[in-house]
Amino acid sequence: MARPSLRSDSSQGVGTSSGRKKKEKKKPTIAQKTTRKTAPRKPAPKSPKSARPRVKYTAADVRRMKKELEDLIEETEAEKDKNNMLVEEQTKELFELKRTEETQKEEDFDAGLKFLTEEAKECKKRMEIDKQSKKCEATTCLQKYLDQSRGLSAHFQSRFEALEADGGPAQSYKKCELCNAQWSQIGDSVPRILDCGHTMCDKCTQKFVIPGGRVRCPFDKKKSYGQGTIPKNYTLLNIQ
């Protein structure tokens, strides 16, 4: 029997270290182990559901359900009509309310305008009355001054005539030029000197008191002192 050659054994790699190296598998590293994906698990198969028993409807059941469906449709239509009517009524009420509010606003505006017009008329009327009143007061004051002026003119005219009859105005400085009263230290014949320089007796100053308590001079129409505060004319009293 022929002996196998060593070449054939070495070519097959039996019993050698090189042959063992080829057969050994490479071990994966730690990084490769962590990055390796695990295959998802398949869910467990569900048990098949038991089939429900099929219900059998008779002709009477079909007619009954059909009738119930028709009744339900009629109720739905009736409810829909009722809702539509309610919406129309509410819309109409809202429209009426809005129109009432607009009418009320117009009436309030007209009333306010009327009130303002009447108030303007009343104000104008009051202004006219005040104007007429002031005019009447001015006329009354003017008439009063005219009457006083006429009285003074008549007084001076009569006094002039009396002086002419007596032979001239002798010692006229010792008497009041208005009432021809003799000066005295007390009583109504005290000489009072006005701001304008004219002098008259205390009694005559009371005749020319104007509103406000002041005295209007009958000679030059100037106002002076209040009644009761006019000083005495001591110069005339001291003349012998």
Protein backbone atom coordinates (compact mmCIF):
# COMPACT_ATOMS: atom_id res chain seq x y z
CA MET A 1 0.00 0.00 0.00
CA ALA A 2 1.40 3.40 -1.04
CA ARG A 3 2.20 6.03 1.61
CA PRO A 4 0.58 9.41 1.22
CA SER A 5 2.96 12.22 0.52
CA LEU A 6 3.52 15.17 2.86
CA ARG A 7 2.71 17.64 0.08
CA SER A 8 -0.87 16.51 -0.16
CA ASP A 9 -1.24 16.81 3.61
CA SER A 10 0.22 20.29 3.70
CA SER A 11 -1.99 21.43 0.84
CA GLN A 12 -5.13 20.44 2.74
CA GLY A 13 -3.85 22.16 5.87
CA VAL A 14 -4.64 19.34 8.22
CA GLY A 15 -2.71 19.37 11.50
CA THR A 16 -0.97 22.66 10.78
CA SER A 17 -1.21 26.05 12.59
CA SER A 18 -2.06 27.93 9.39
CA GLY A 19 -5.09 25.79 8.84
CA ARG A 20 -6.36 26.41 12.32
CA LYS A 21 -6.02 30.15 11.90
CA LYS A 22 -8.19 30.10 8.80
CA LYS A 23 -10.93 28.17 10.54
CA GLU A 24 -11.04 30.47 13.65
CA LYS A 25 -13.61 33.27 13.55
CA LYS A 26 -12.85 36.85 14.56
CA LYS A 27 -14.38 37.88 17.88
CA PRO A 28 -16.35 41.16 17.81
CA THR A 29 -15.10 44.11 19.83
CA ILE A 30 -17.03 45.88 22.66
CA ALA A 31 -17.98 48.78 20.37
CA GLN A 32 -19.32 46.37 17.78
CA LYS A 33 -21.37 44.60 20.44
CA THR A 34 -22.95 47.87 21.60
CA THR A 35 -23.75 49.07 18.08
CA ARG A 36 -25.24 45.81 16.94
CA LYS A 37 -28.98 46.07 16.46
CA THR A 38 -31.23 43.53 17.98
CA ALA A 39 -33.99 42.18 15.82
CA PRO A 40 -37.55 43.32 16.93
CA ARG A 41 -39.59 40.72 18.61
CA LYS A 42 -42.66 39.55 16.81
CA PRO A 43 -45.92 39.96 18.73
CA ALA A 44 -47.61 36.89 19.92
CA PRO A 45 -50.32 35.75 17.59
CA LYS A 46 -53.78 36.72 18.73
CA SER A 47 -56.36 34.15 19.27
CA PRO A 48 -59.11 34.37 16.67
CA LYS A 49 -62.33 36.03 17.91
CA SER A 50 -65.33 33.96 18.19
CA ALA A 51 -67.81 34.85 15.42
CA ARG A 52 -70.99 36.60 16.64
CA PRO A 53 -74.18 34.83 15.93
CA ARG A 54 -76.06 36.44 13.02
CA VAL A 55 -79.37 38.03 13.99
CA LYS A 56 -82.27 37.23 11.79
CA TYR A 57 -84.94 39.92 11.32
CA THR A 58 -88.46 39.09 10.35
CA ALA A 59 -90.64 41.15 8.01
CA ALA A 60 -92.51 42.54 11.01
CA ASP A 61 -89.23 43.74 12.56
CA VAL A 62 -88.26 45.45 9.31
CA ARG A 63 -91.62 47.21 9.10
CA ARG A 64 -91.37 48.28 12.71
CA MET A 65 -87.85 49.71 12.29
CA LYS A 66 -88.90 51.43 9.07
CA LYS A 67 -91.85 52.97 10.88
CA GLU A 68 -89.58 54.15 13.75
CA LEU A 69 -87.17 55.67 11.23
CA GLU A 70 -90.01 57.52 9.48
CA ASP A 71 -91.29 58.82 12.86
CA LEU A 72 -87.81 59.96 13.78
CA ILE A 73 -87.43 61.78 10.46
CA GLU A 74 -90.83 63.48 10.97
CA GLU A 75 -89.85 64.55 14.50
CA THR A 76 -86.54 65.90 13.20
CA GLU A 77 -88.29 67.89 10.45
CA ALA A 78 -90.84 69.24 12.94
CA GLU A 79 -88.09 70.26 15.34
CA LYS A 80 -86.22 71.90 12.46
CA ASP A 81 -89.33 73.88 11.44
CA LYS A 82 -89.89 74.87 15.04
CA ASN A 83 -86.31 76.10 15.35
CA ASN A 84 -86.63 78.06 12.09
CA MET A 85 -89.81 79.72 13.34
CA LEU A 86 -88.12 80.57 16.62
CA VAL A 87 -85.16 82.10 14.78
CA GLU A 88 -87.51 84.17 12.62
CA GLU A 89 -89.41 85.41 15.69
CA GLN A 90 -86.21 86.35 17.49
CA THR A 91 -84.90 88.10 14.38
CA LYS A 92 -88.14 90.03 14.10
CA GLU A 93 -88.05 90.99 17.79
CA LEU A 94 -84.44 92.11 17.44
CA PHE A 95 -85.32 94.23 14.42
CA GLU A 96 -88.25 95.79 16.28
CA LEU A 97 -86.06 96.49 19.29
CA LYS A 98 -83.40 98.12 17.12
CA ARG A 99 -86.01 100.24 15.37
CA THR A 100 -87.48 101.26 18.74
CA GLU A 101 -84.05 102.30 19.98
CA GLU A 102 -83.44 104.37 16.84
CA THR A 103 -86.85 106.01 17.23
CA GLN A 104 -86.12 106.76 20.89
CA LYS A 105 -82.76 108.28 19.96
CA GLU A 106 -84.41 110.48 17.35
CA GLU A 107 -87.05 111.58 19.86
CA ASP A 108 -84.39 112.33 22.48
CA PHE A 109 -82.39 114.33 19.94
CA ASP A 110 -85.47 116.29 18.88
CA ALA A 111 -86.38 116.94 22.53
CA GLY A 112 -82.86 118.10 23.31
CA LEU A 113 -82.81 120.36 20.25
CA LYS A 114 -86.18 121.78 21.20
CA PHE A 115 -85.02 122.39 24.77
CA LEU A 116 -81.86 124.16 23.58
CA THR A 117 -83.89 126.29 21.16
CA GLU A 118 -86.34 127.30 23.89
CA GLU A 119 -83.45 127.97 26.29
CA ALA A 120 -81.79 130.21 23.68
CA LYS A 121 -85.06 132.08 23.19
CA GLU A 122 -85.48 132.53 26.95
CA CYS A 123 -81.89 133.73 27.26
CA LYS A 124 -82.42 136.20 24.44
CA LYS A 125 -85.65 137.38 26.04
CA ARG A 126 -83.92 137.84 29.41
CA MET A 127 -81.15 139.79 27.73
CA GLU A 128 -83.73 142.03 26.08
CA ILE A 129 -85.51 142.54 29.42
CA ASP A 130 -82.22 143.38 31.13
CA LYS A 131 -81.36 145.77 28.35
CA GLN A 132 -84.75 147.48 28.60
CA SER A 133 -84.45 147.58 32.39
CA LYS A 134 -81.02 149.21 32.22
CA LYS A 135 -82.32 151.62 29.63
CA CYS A 136 -85.28 152.50 31.88
CA GLU A 137 -82.95 152.93 34.85
CA ALA A 138 -80.70 155.21 32.81
CA THR A 139 -83.75 157.15 31.64
CA THR A 140 -85.03 157.42 35.20
CA CYS A 141 -81.67 158.65 36.47
CA LEU A 142 -81.42 161.13 33.63
CA GLN A 143 -84.93 162.37 34.33
CA LYS A 144 -84.05 162.73 38.00
CA TYR A 145 -80.96 164.76 37.16
CA LEU A 146 -82.97 166.90 34.77
CA ASP A 147 -85.57 167.54 37.44
CA GLN A 148 -82.85 168.51 39.90
CA SER A 149 -81.27 170.77 37.30
CA ARG A 150 -84.61 172.43 36.63
CA GLY A 151 -85.17 172.87 40.35
CA LEU A 152 -81.74 174.43 40.76
CA SER A 153 -82.33 176.70 37.79
CA ALA A 154 -85.65 177.85 39.21
CA HIS A 155 -84.03 178.31 42.64
CA PHE A 156 -81.18 180.38 41.29
CA GLN A 157 -83.58 182.39 39.14
CA SER A 158 -85.76 183.22 42.15
CA ARG A 159 -82.71 183.97 44.24
CA PHE A 160 -81.31 186.26 41.57
CA GLU A 161 -84.59 188.10 41.42
CA ALA A 162 -84.64 188.42 45.22
CA LEU A 163 -81.09 189.75 45.27
CA GLU A 164 -81.91 192.29 42.59
CA ALA A 165 -84.88 193.43 44.66
CA ASP A 166 -82.65 193.78 47.78
CA GLY A 167 -80.02 195.78 45.92
CA GLY A 168 -77.40 193.11 45.08
CA PRO A 169 -75.75 190.00 46.56
CA ALA A 170 -74.40 191.59 49.72
CA GLN A 171 -72.50 189.16 52.03
CA SER A 172 -73.54 186.06 49.98
CA TYR A 173 -70.54 184.13 51.39
CA LYS A 174 -72.31 183.95 54.77
CA LYS A 175 -75.25 182.02 53.32
CA CYS A 176 -75.83 178.73 51.43
CA GLU A 177 -76.08 179.36 47.72
CA LEU A 178 -78.87 176.79 47.36
CA CYS A 179 -81.24 177.47 50.23
CA ASN A 180 -79.96 180.90 51.33
CA ALA A 181 -79.57 179.65 54.93
CA GLN A 182 -77.15 181.43 57.28
CA TRP A 183 -74.04 179.36 58.20
CA SER A 184 -73.89 177.96 61.72
CA GLN A 185 -71.54 175.74 63.77
CA ILE A 186 -74.20 173.08 64.41
CA GLY A 187 -77.44 171.84 62.86
CA ASP A 188 -78.49 171.67 59.22
CA SER A 189 -76.78 174.99 58.32
CA VAL A 190 -73.22 173.71 58.84
CA PRO A 191 -71.18 174.50 55.67
CA ARG A 192 -69.84 171.35 53.97
CA ILE A 193 -67.04 171.61 51.40
CA LEU A 194 -67.05 169.00 48.57
CA ASP A 195 -64.08 167.49 46.73
CA CYS A 196 -64.64 169.89 43.85
CA GLY A 197 -64.40 172.93 46.19
CA HIS A 198 -68.04 173.98 46.21
CA THR A 199 -69.80 174.52 49.54
CA MET A 200 -73.37 173.91 50.59
CA CYS A 201 -75.17 173.38 53.85
CA ASP A 202 -75.60 169.98 55.49
CA LYS A 203 -79.30 169.92 54.65
CA CYS A 204 -78.68 170.53 50.94
CA THR A 205 -76.09 167.71 50.73
CA GLN A 206 -78.83 165.26 51.68
CA LYS A 207 -80.80 166.27 48.57
CA PHE A 208 -78.00 165.21 46.17
CA VAL A 209 -77.10 161.81 47.58
CA ILE A 210 -76.70 159.21 44.77
CA PRO A 211 -76.67 155.36 44.96
CA GLY A 212 -73.57 154.28 46.85
CA GLY A 213 -73.88 156.97 49.54
CA ARG A 214 -71.85 159.61 47.69
CA VAL A 215 -72.91 163.20 46.97
CA ARG A 216 -73.07 164.66 43.46
CA CYS A 217 -72.26 168.36 43.29
CA PRO A 218 -75.16 170.29 41.71
CA PHE A 219 -72.79 172.83 40.19
CA ASP A 220 -70.24 170.69 38.28
CA LYS A 221 -71.78 167.14 38.69
CA LYS A 222 -68.64 165.74 40.34
CA LYS A 223 -68.89 163.04 43.00
CA SER A 224 -67.36 163.49 46.44
CA TYR A 225 -67.30 161.95 49.92
CA GLY A 226 -70.01 159.82 51.40
CA GLN A 227 -72.98 161.24 53.25
CA GLY A 228 -71.97 162.14 56.83
CA THR A 229 -68.22 162.29 56.10
CA ILE A 230 -68.06 165.62 54.25
CA PRO A 231 -65.78 167.96 56.21
CA LYS A 232 -66.80 171.40 57.48
CA ASN A 233 -65.70 174.57 55.70
CA TYR A 234 -64.02 176.28 58.65
CA THR A 235 -62.82 179.11 56.42
CA LEU A 236 -66.40 180.37 55.90
CA LEU A 237 -67.21 179.86 59.58
CA ASN A 238 -64.20 181.94 60.64
CA ILE A 239 -64.96 184.85 58.33
CA GLN A 240 -66.37 187.79 60.34
